[in-house]
Amino acid sequence: EHGRRTHAALRDASTGRYDGLSVIGIDDGPVDAVAQVGAAYRSPEPAVLVISDRTESDDGTGEAAIATREADPLGATVEAVARELADRAPEADVEYDGGQRRGYLRFDPNVDDETIIAAVRDLL
């Protein structure tokens, strides 16, 4: 079921490309898994940011995930993105979790996608 939701989200996703970063917008699905599959198999860029449509999330919060093909740990970068996002949008109430090649962010639904993209681009 998890894999089916991941691939369905990728199939229906919107995409954008920035220097070094692919952005995938999904309506629904596991943002972590979509980011990992996107980075491994779909992205022409070394890093992927997945942003979920906040109107679809169960608890009304925004979700995003970052994944990379690079071997460098993302934990410190995800923490820096969370701090940058909180500075750019003080109402964001950002929570985060980071690992070797992935990171997860949860934030206030009123934070717009461009703010999230800018924060990630500045720190990757």
N, C-alpha and C. Protein backbone atom coordinates (compact mmCIF):
# COMPACT_ATOMS: atom_id res chain seq x y z
N GLU A 1 0.83 -1.19 0.00
CA GLU A 1 0.00 0.00 0.00
C GLU A 1 0.88 1.27 0.00
N HIS A 2 1.93 1.23 0.82
CA HIS A 2 2.84 2.38 0.89
C HIS A 2 3.48 2.65 -0.48
N GLY A 3 3.96 1.60 -1.12
CA GLY A 3 4.56 1.73 -2.45
C GLY A 3 3.56 2.22 -3.49
N ARG A 4 2.35 1.69 -3.42
CA ARG A 4 1.31 2.11 -4.36
C ARG A 4 1.02 3.60 -4.21
N ARG A 5 0.88 4.06 -2.96
CA ARG A 5 0.63 5.49 -2.71
C ARG A 5 1.81 6.35 -3.17
N THR A 6 3.02 5.85 -2.97
CA THR A 6 4.21 6.59 -3.40
C THR A 6 4.22 6.78 -4.91
N HIS A 7 4.01 5.70 -5.65
CA HIS A 7 4.05 5.79 -7.11
C HIS A 7 2.85 6.54 -7.67
N ALA A 8 1.70 6.44 -7.03
CA ALA A 8 0.53 7.23 -7.45
C ALA A 8 0.81 8.72 -7.26
N ALA A 9 1.42 9.08 -6.13
CA ALA A 9 1.76 10.48 -5.88
C ALA A 9 2.75 11.00 -6.91
N LEU A 10 3.76 10.19 -7.24
CA LEU A 10 4.74 10.60 -8.26
C LEU A 10 4.09 10.75 -9.64
N ARG A 11 3.20 9.86 -9.97
CA ARG A 11 2.54 9.89 -11.27
C ARG A 11 1.73 11.17 -11.44
N ASP A 12 1.08 11.63 -10.36
CA ASP A 12 0.21 12.79 -10.43
C ASP A 12 0.89 14.09 -9.98
N ALA A 13 2.17 14.06 -9.73
CA ALA A 13 2.89 15.20 -9.14
C ALA A 13 3.13 16.33 -10.15
N SER A 14 3.28 17.53 -9.59
CA SER A 14 3.79 18.65 -10.37
C SER A 14 5.29 18.72 -10.09
N THR A 15 6.06 19.22 -11.03
CA THR A 15 7.51 19.26 -10.85
C THR A 15 8.06 20.63 -11.23
N GLY A 16 9.18 20.96 -10.63
CA GLY A 16 9.92 22.16 -10.94
C GLY A 16 11.39 21.85 -10.81
N ARG A 17 12.20 22.60 -11.52
CA ARG A 17 13.63 22.32 -11.49
C ARG A 17 14.40 23.61 -11.24
N TYR A 18 15.27 23.55 -10.27
CA TYR A 18 16.15 24.66 -9.91
C TYR A 18 17.58 24.14 -10.00
N ASP A 19 18.54 25.01 -10.00
CA ASP A 19 19.93 24.61 -10.09
C ASP A 19 20.28 23.74 -8.88
N GLY A 20 20.43 22.44 -9.10
CA GLY A 20 20.79 21.51 -8.03
C GLY A 20 19.63 20.94 -7.24
N LEU A 21 18.39 21.36 -7.54
CA LEU A 21 17.24 20.93 -6.76
C LEU A 21 16.03 20.70 -7.67
N SER A 22 15.43 19.53 -7.54
CA SER A 22 14.13 19.25 -8.17
C SER A 22 13.07 19.39 -7.09
N VAL A 23 11.96 20.03 -7.44
CA VAL A 23 10.85 20.20 -6.51
C VAL A 23 9.66 19.41 -7.05
N ILE A 24 9.09 18.59 -6.20
CA ILE A 24 7.94 17.77 -6.56
C ILE A 24 6.79 18.16 -5.63
N GLY A 25 5.68 18.55 -6.22
CA GLY A 25 4.49 18.87 -5.45
C GLY A 25 3.49 17.73 -5.56
N ILE A 26 3.02 17.25 -4.42
CA ILE A 26 2.06 16.14 -4.43
C ILE A 26 0.80 16.54 -3.67
N ASP A 27 -0.31 15.92 -4.05
CA ASP A 27 -1.56 16.16 -3.35
C ASP A 27 -1.66 15.30 -2.10
N ASP A 28 -1.19 14.08 -2.21
CA ASP A 28 -1.31 13.13 -1.11
C ASP A 28 -0.26 12.06 -1.31
N GLY A 29 0.25 11.52 -0.23
CA GLY A 29 1.23 10.44 -0.31
C GLY A 29 2.32 10.63 0.72
N PRO A 30 3.13 9.61 0.89
CA PRO A 30 4.22 9.67 1.86
C PRO A 30 5.39 10.51 1.33
N VAL A 31 5.54 11.71 1.86
CA VAL A 31 6.54 12.64 1.32
C VAL A 31 7.96 12.06 1.40
N ASP A 32 8.30 11.35 2.47
CA ASP A 32 9.64 10.76 2.59
C ASP A 32 9.91 9.78 1.44
N ALA A 33 8.98 8.88 1.21
CA ALA A 33 9.16 7.86 0.17
C ALA A 33 9.18 8.49 -1.22
N VAL A 34 8.32 9.47 -1.45
CA VAL A 34 8.31 10.15 -2.75
C VAL A 34 9.65 10.84 -2.98
N ALA A 35 10.20 11.48 -1.96
CA ALA A 35 11.50 12.15 -2.10
C ALA A 35 12.61 11.14 -2.38
N GLN A 36 12.61 10.02 -1.69
CA GLN A 36 13.66 9.01 -1.89
C GLN A 36 13.58 8.40 -3.28
N VAL A 37 12.38 8.06 -3.75
CA VAL A 37 12.23 7.50 -5.10
C VAL A 37 12.56 8.57 -6.14
N GLY A 38 12.11 9.79 -5.89
CA GLY A 38 12.42 10.87 -6.82
C GLY A 38 13.91 11.11 -6.96
N ALA A 39 14.63 11.12 -5.85
CA ALA A 39 16.08 11.33 -5.89
C ALA A 39 16.80 10.17 -6.56
N ALA A 40 16.37 8.96 -6.29
CA ALA A 40 17.04 7.78 -6.82
C ALA A 40 16.77 7.54 -8.30
N TYR A 41 15.53 7.83 -8.75
CA TYR A 41 15.15 7.40 -10.10
C TYR A 41 14.58 8.46 -11.02
N ARG A 42 14.13 9.58 -10.50
CA ARG A 42 13.41 10.53 -11.34
C ARG A 42 14.10 11.88 -11.55
N SER A 43 14.88 12.30 -10.60
CA SER A 43 15.39 13.67 -10.61
C SER A 43 16.67 13.80 -11.43
N PRO A 44 16.72 14.81 -12.31
CA PRO A 44 17.98 15.12 -12.99
C PRO A 44 18.95 15.88 -12.08
N GLU A 45 18.45 16.37 -10.97
CA GLU A 45 19.25 17.12 -10.00
C GLU A 45 19.65 16.19 -8.84
N PRO A 46 20.72 16.51 -8.11
CA PRO A 46 21.18 15.63 -7.03
C PRO A 46 20.31 15.66 -5.77
N ALA A 47 19.45 16.67 -5.64
CA ALA A 47 18.59 16.77 -4.45
C ALA A 47 17.14 16.96 -4.88
N VAL A 48 16.24 16.45 -4.04
CA VAL A 48 14.80 16.54 -4.31
C VAL A 48 14.11 17.10 -3.07
N LEU A 49 13.19 18.03 -3.29
CA LEU A 49 12.32 18.55 -2.25
C LEU A 49 10.90 18.17 -2.65
N VAL A 50 10.19 17.50 -1.76
CA VAL A 50 8.78 17.15 -2.00
C VAL A 50 7.94 17.96 -1.02
N ILE A 51 6.94 18.65 -1.56
CA ILE A 51 6.03 19.44 -0.75
C ILE A 51 4.63 18.88 -0.94
N SER A 52 3.98 18.55 0.17
CA SER A 52 2.63 18.02 0.12
C SER A 52 1.61 19.15 0.18
N ASP A 53 0.52 18.97 -0.56
CA ASP A 53 -0.58 19.93 -0.53
C ASP A 53 -1.21 19.90 0.86
N ARG A 54 -1.09 20.99 1.58
CA ARG A 54 -1.54 21.03 2.96
C ARG A 54 -3.05 20.89 3.12
N THR A 55 -3.81 21.08 2.09
CA THR A 55 -5.26 20.90 2.23
C THR A 55 -5.62 19.42 2.33
N GLU A 56 -4.72 18.55 1.93
CA GLU A 56 -5.00 17.12 1.94
C GLU A 56 -4.50 16.41 3.19
N SER A 57 -3.61 17.04 3.96
CA SER A 57 -3.03 16.33 5.11
C SER A 57 -4.07 16.13 6.21
N ASP A 58 -3.90 15.06 6.94
CA ASP A 58 -4.88 14.67 7.96
C ASP A 58 -5.03 15.70 9.07
N ASP A 59 -3.93 16.29 9.50
CA ASP A 59 -4.01 17.19 10.65
C ASP A 59 -3.87 18.66 10.28
N GLY A 60 -3.87 18.97 8.99
CA GLY A 60 -3.82 20.35 8.55
C GLY A 60 -2.45 20.99 8.59
N THR A 61 -1.40 20.22 8.85
CA THR A 61 -0.06 20.79 8.84
C THR A 61 0.59 20.56 7.49
N GLY A 62 1.58 21.38 7.19
CA GLY A 62 2.35 21.20 5.97
C GLY A 62 3.42 20.15 6.17
N GLU A 63 3.72 19.44 5.11
CA GLU A 63 4.77 18.43 5.15
C GLU A 63 5.69 18.60 3.95
N ALA A 64 6.96 18.39 4.17
CA ALA A 64 7.93 18.39 3.09
C ALA A 64 9.03 17.39 3.44
N ALA A 65 9.67 16.89 2.41
CA ALA A 65 10.80 15.98 2.61
C ALA A 65 11.90 16.35 1.63
N ILE A 66 13.12 16.12 2.06
CA ILE A 66 14.30 16.36 1.23
C ILE A 66 15.05 15.04 1.13
N ALA A 67 15.49 14.71 -0.07
CA ALA A 67 16.32 13.52 -0.27
C ALA A 67 17.42 13.87 -1.26
N THR A 68 18.52 13.16 -1.15
CA THR A 68 19.66 13.43 -2.01
C THR A 68 20.36 12.14 -2.40
N ARG A 69 21.06 12.18 -3.51
CA ARG A 69 21.90 11.05 -3.92
C ARG A 69 23.30 11.18 -3.33
N GLU A 70 23.63 12.33 -2.79
CA GLU A 70 24.95 12.57 -2.23
C GLU A 70 25.13 11.77 -0.94
N ALA A 71 26.36 11.43 -0.63
CA ALA A 71 26.65 10.63 0.57
C ALA A 71 26.75 11.47 1.84
N ASP A 72 26.83 12.79 1.70
CA ASP A 72 26.95 13.65 2.87
C ASP A 72 25.66 13.62 3.69
N PRO A 73 25.77 13.54 5.00
CA PRO A 73 24.57 13.53 5.85
C PRO A 73 23.74 14.79 5.69
N LEU A 74 22.42 14.65 5.69
CA LEU A 74 21.51 15.78 5.55
C LEU A 74 21.01 16.32 6.89
N GLY A 75 21.29 15.64 7.98
CA GLY A 75 20.74 16.04 9.28
C GLY A 75 20.99 17.49 9.62
N ALA A 76 22.22 17.96 9.51
CA ALA A 76 22.54 19.35 9.84
C ALA A 76 21.89 20.31 8.86
N THR A 77 21.80 19.91 7.60
CA THR A 77 21.16 20.76 6.59
C THR A 77 19.67 20.90 6.88
N VAL A 78 19.02 19.81 7.24
CA VAL A 78 17.58 19.86 7.54
C VAL A 78 17.34 20.75 8.76
N GLU A 79 18.19 20.64 9.76
CA GLU A 79 18.06 21.52 10.93
C GLU A 79 18.23 22.98 10.51
N ALA A 80 19.20 23.26 9.66
CA ALA A 80 19.42 24.63 9.19
C ALA A 80 18.23 25.12 8.36
N VAL A 81 17.65 24.26 7.54
CA VAL A 81 16.46 24.63 6.77
C VAL A 81 15.32 24.96 7.71
N ALA A 82 15.13 24.15 8.74
CA ALA A 82 14.05 24.41 9.72
C ALA A 82 14.26 25.76 10.40
N ARG A 83 15.48 26.07 10.77
CA ARG A 83 15.76 27.37 11.40
C ARG A 83 15.53 28.52 10.43
N GLU A 84 16.00 28.34 9.19
CA GLU A 84 15.81 29.37 8.16
C GLU A 84 14.33 29.58 7.88
N LEU A 85 13.58 28.51 7.80
CA LEU A 85 12.15 28.60 7.57
C LEU A 85 11.46 29.32 8.73
N ALA A 86 11.86 29.03 9.95
CA ALA A 86 11.31 29.71 11.12
C ALA A 86 11.67 31.20 11.11
N ASP A 87 12.87 31.55 10.62
CA ASP A 87 13.25 32.96 10.52
C ASP A 87 12.44 33.68 9.45
N ARG A 88 12.23 33.02 8.31
CA ARG A 88 11.49 33.64 7.20
C ARG A 88 10.00 33.73 7.49
N ALA A 89 9.49 32.77 8.23
CA ALA A 89 8.05 32.73 8.54
C ALA A 89 7.90 32.36 10.02
N PRO A 90 7.97 33.35 10.93
CA PRO A 90 7.93 33.06 12.36
C PRO A 90 6.71 32.25 12.80
N GLU A 91 5.64 32.32 12.05
CA GLU A 91 4.44 31.56 12.40
C GLU A 91 4.54 30.09 11.98
N ALA A 92 5.65 29.70 11.38
CA ALA A 92 5.78 28.38 10.77
C ALA A 92 5.68 27.22 11.75
N ASP A 93 6.14 27.38 12.99
CA ASP A 93 6.12 26.31 13.99
C ASP A 93 6.69 25.02 13.39
N VAL A 94 7.95 25.06 13.03
CA VAL A 94 8.60 23.99 12.27
C VAL A 94 9.09 22.86 13.18
N GLU A 95 8.80 21.63 12.78
CA GLU A 95 9.37 20.43 13.38
C GLU A 95 10.17 19.75 12.28
N TYR A 96 11.23 19.02 12.66
CA TYR A 96 12.05 18.38 11.64
C TYR A 96 12.68 17.10 12.15
N ASP A 97 13.15 16.30 11.21
CA ASP A 97 13.89 15.08 11.49
C ASP A 97 14.81 14.86 10.30
N GLY A 98 16.05 14.54 10.54
CA GLY A 98 16.99 14.35 9.44
C GLY A 98 17.82 13.11 9.60
N GLY A 99 18.29 12.60 8.49
CA GLY A 99 19.11 11.40 8.48
C GLY A 99 20.22 11.51 7.47
N GLN A 100 20.76 10.38 7.07
CA GLN A 100 21.89 10.35 6.15
C GLN A 100 21.58 11.02 4.81
N ARG A 101 20.55 10.56 4.13
CA ARG A 101 20.23 11.10 2.81
C ARG A 101 18.80 11.60 2.70
N ARG A 102 18.19 11.88 3.84
CA ARG A 102 16.81 12.35 3.81
C ARG A 102 16.52 13.25 5.00
N GLY A 103 15.49 14.06 4.85
CA GLY A 103 15.04 14.91 5.93
C GLY A 103 13.55 15.15 5.80
N TYR A 104 12.90 15.44 6.92
CA TYR A 104 11.46 15.63 6.96
C TYR A 104 11.15 16.92 7.71
N LEU A 105 10.21 17.69 7.19
CA LEU A 105 9.79 18.93 7.83
C LEU A 105 8.27 18.94 7.97
N ARG A 106 7.80 19.45 9.09
CA ARG A 106 6.37 19.65 9.32
C ARG A 106 6.24 21.10 9.79
N PHE A 107 5.24 21.82 9.26
CA PHE A 107 5.16 23.24 9.52
C PHE A 107 3.72 23.72 9.39
N ASP A 108 3.49 24.97 9.76
CA ASP A 108 2.18 25.59 9.68
C ASP A 108 1.70 25.59 8.22
N PRO A 109 0.43 25.32 7.98
CA PRO A 109 -0.08 25.23 6.61
C PRO A 109 -0.10 26.57 5.87
N ASN A 110 0.06 27.68 6.57
CA ASN A 110 0.03 28.97 5.90
C ASN A 110 1.36 29.37 5.26
N VAL A 111 2.40 28.60 5.48
CA VAL A 111 3.69 28.89 4.85
C VAL A 111 3.60 28.52 3.38
N ASP A 112 3.92 29.47 2.51
CA ASP A 112 3.77 29.20 1.08
C ASP A 112 4.95 28.39 0.54
N ASP A 113 4.71 27.72 -0.57
CA ASP A 113 5.72 26.85 -1.17
C ASP A 113 7.00 27.59 -1.53
N GLU A 114 6.88 28.81 -2.03
CA GLU A 114 8.07 29.57 -2.42
C GLU A 114 9.00 29.84 -1.25
N THR A 115 8.45 30.05 -0.07
CA THR A 115 9.27 30.25 1.13
C THR A 115 10.03 28.98 1.46
N ILE A 116 9.37 27.85 1.36
CA ILE A 116 10.01 26.56 1.62
C ILE A 116 11.11 26.29 0.60
N ILE A 117 10.80 26.50 -0.67
CA ILE A 117 11.77 26.26 -1.74
C ILE A 117 12.99 27.15 -1.55
N ALA A 118 12.77 28.44 -1.26
CA ALA A 118 13.89 29.38 -1.07
C ALA A 118 14.77 28.95 0.10
N ALA A 119 14.17 28.53 1.19
CA ALA A 119 14.95 28.11 2.36
C ALA A 119 15.81 26.89 2.02
N VAL A 120 15.25 25.94 1.31
CA VAL A 120 16.01 24.73 0.94
C VAL A 120 17.10 25.07 -0.07
N ARG A 121 16.78 25.84 -1.08
CA ARG A 121 17.77 26.20 -2.11
C ARG A 121 18.97 26.94 -1.51
N ASP A 122 18.70 27.82 -0.56
CA ASP A 122 19.78 28.60 0.06
C ASP A 122 20.75 27.74 0.84
N LEU A 123 20.30 26.57 1.31
CA LEU A 123 21.14 25.78 2.21
C LEU A 123 21.65 24.47 1.62
N LEU A 124 21.21 24.13 0.42
CA LEU A 124 21.74 22.90 -0.21
C LEU A 124 22.93 23.21 -1.08
